[in-house]
Amino acid sequence: MCAAAGFTLDWQTQNGAGPSTPAGRRYIESPNNGWRYLLFVRETRDQAFLACGPVVIASRDDVTGQQPMNITWTLTEPLTAHAFRAFSVIREM
């Protein structure tokens, strides 16, 4: 059983990454530039990371700010039901 596709994650880059810097361009221009990004999460420092899968910037509107940039990543594959319950902000449902 899987959670709904299109799960998003709000993330902020390091302060030095901006839309006109090499690091910022890597994010904005992915995956057309050959860069791919994967999401790994864990509930506590004592646990192993869980690989959730590839994430993409679905729209140019998903990147805001200068330095740092705010990016909304979208998972390309749905989370498993277990991962969705563990990491979703609506997990209390």
Protein backbone atom coordinates (compact mmCIF):
# COMPACT_ATOMS: atom_id res chain seq x y z
CA MET A 1 0.00 0.00 0.00
CA CYS A 2 1.34 3.44 -0.93
CA ALA A 3 0.55 7.01 0.05
CA ALA A 4 -0.60 9.49 -2.57
CA ALA A 5 1.92 10.51 -5.20
CA GLY A 6 3.20 14.07 -5.29
CA PHE A 7 4.32 14.23 -1.64
CA THR A 8 6.31 17.45 -1.20
CA LEU A 9 9.14 18.57 1.04
CA ASP A 10 10.06 22.18 1.77
CA TRP A 11 13.83 22.62 2.02
CA GLN A 12 16.27 25.51 2.28
CA THR A 13 19.71 25.56 0.64
CA GLN A 14 22.92 26.61 2.32
CA ASN A 15 23.34 30.39 2.56
CA GLY A 16 25.85 30.50 -0.28
CA ALA A 17 23.49 28.93 -2.85
CA GLY A 18 21.48 31.42 -4.88
CA PRO A 19 19.81 31.43 -8.30
CA SER A 20 22.94 32.84 -9.98
CA THR A 21 25.55 30.70 -8.18
CA PRO A 22 26.84 27.37 -9.54
CA ALA A 23 25.29 25.50 -6.61
CA GLY A 24 21.92 27.20 -7.07
CA ARG A 25 21.93 26.57 -10.83
CA ARG A 26 22.55 22.84 -10.19
CA TYR A 27 19.29 22.67 -8.26
CA ILE A 28 17.24 24.86 -10.58
CA GLU A 29 18.42 23.24 -13.81
CA SER A 30 18.11 19.64 -12.62
CA PRO A 31 17.52 17.07 -14.03
CA ASN A 32 18.29 18.55 -17.47
CA ASN A 33 21.89 19.20 -16.35
CA GLY A 34 22.48 15.59 -15.32
CA TRP A 35 22.02 16.14 -11.57
CA ARG A 36 19.50 13.94 -9.75
CA TYR A 37 18.45 14.27 -6.11
CA LEU A 38 17.22 11.60 -3.70
CA LEU A 39 15.37 11.99 -0.40
CA PHE A 40 16.62 10.08 2.65
CA VAL A 41 14.89 10.51 6.03
CA ARG A 42 15.06 9.12 9.54
CA GLU A 43 12.95 9.63 12.63
CA THR A 44 15.82 9.79 15.12
CA ARG A 45 19.62 10.00 15.03
CA ASP A 46 19.81 6.42 16.27
CA GLN A 47 17.95 4.99 13.27
CA ALA A 48 19.17 4.18 9.80
CA PHE A 49 18.09 6.43 6.93
CA LEU A 50 15.13 5.38 4.81
CA ALA A 51 15.50 5.94 1.05
CA CYS A 52 12.26 7.56 -0.12
CA GLY A 53 13.27 7.96 -3.76
CA PRO A 54 13.96 10.66 -6.33
CA VAL A 55 12.74 14.23 -5.86
CA VAL A 56 12.30 16.94 -8.51
CA ILE A 57 11.50 20.61 -8.70
CA ALA A 58 8.10 20.33 -10.37
CA SER A 59 7.75 24.02 -11.29
CA ARG A 60 9.87 27.17 -11.40
CA ASP A 61 7.44 28.49 -8.78
CA ASP A 62 8.84 25.85 -6.41
CA VAL A 63 12.07 27.86 -6.04
CA THR A 64 11.93 31.17 -4.16
CA GLY A 65 14.34 33.45 -2.35
CA GLN A 66 17.91 34.44 -3.07
CA GLN A 67 20.55 33.29 -0.62
CA PRO A 68 19.46 30.91 0.72
CA MET A 69 16.90 29.57 -1.75
CA ASN A 70 13.70 27.86 -0.63
CA ILE A 71 12.91 24.77 -2.69
CA THR A 72 9.79 22.61 -2.68
CA TRP A 73 10.83 19.14 -3.81
CA THR A 74 8.24 16.67 -5.11
CA LEU A 75 8.73 12.91 -4.79
CA THR A 76 8.42 11.17 -8.14
CA GLU A 77 7.29 7.91 -6.53
CA PRO A 78 4.70 7.60 -3.75
CA LEU A 79 5.84 6.89 -0.21
CA THR A 80 4.99 3.56 1.31
CA ALA A 81 2.11 3.70 3.79
CA HIS A 82 4.58 3.13 6.66
CA ALA A 83 6.82 6.03 5.58
CA PHE A 84 3.83 8.31 5.01
CA ARG A 85 2.53 7.63 8.53
CA ALA A 86 5.99 8.20 10.01
CA PHE A 87 6.94 11.41 8.19
CA SER A 88 3.78 13.16 7.01
CA VAL A 89 2.57 16.24 8.87
CA ILE A 90 -0.91 14.69 8.71
CA ARG A 91 0.19 11.44 10.33
CA GLU A 92 -2.26 11.82 13.22
CA MET A 93 -5.12 10.94 10.88
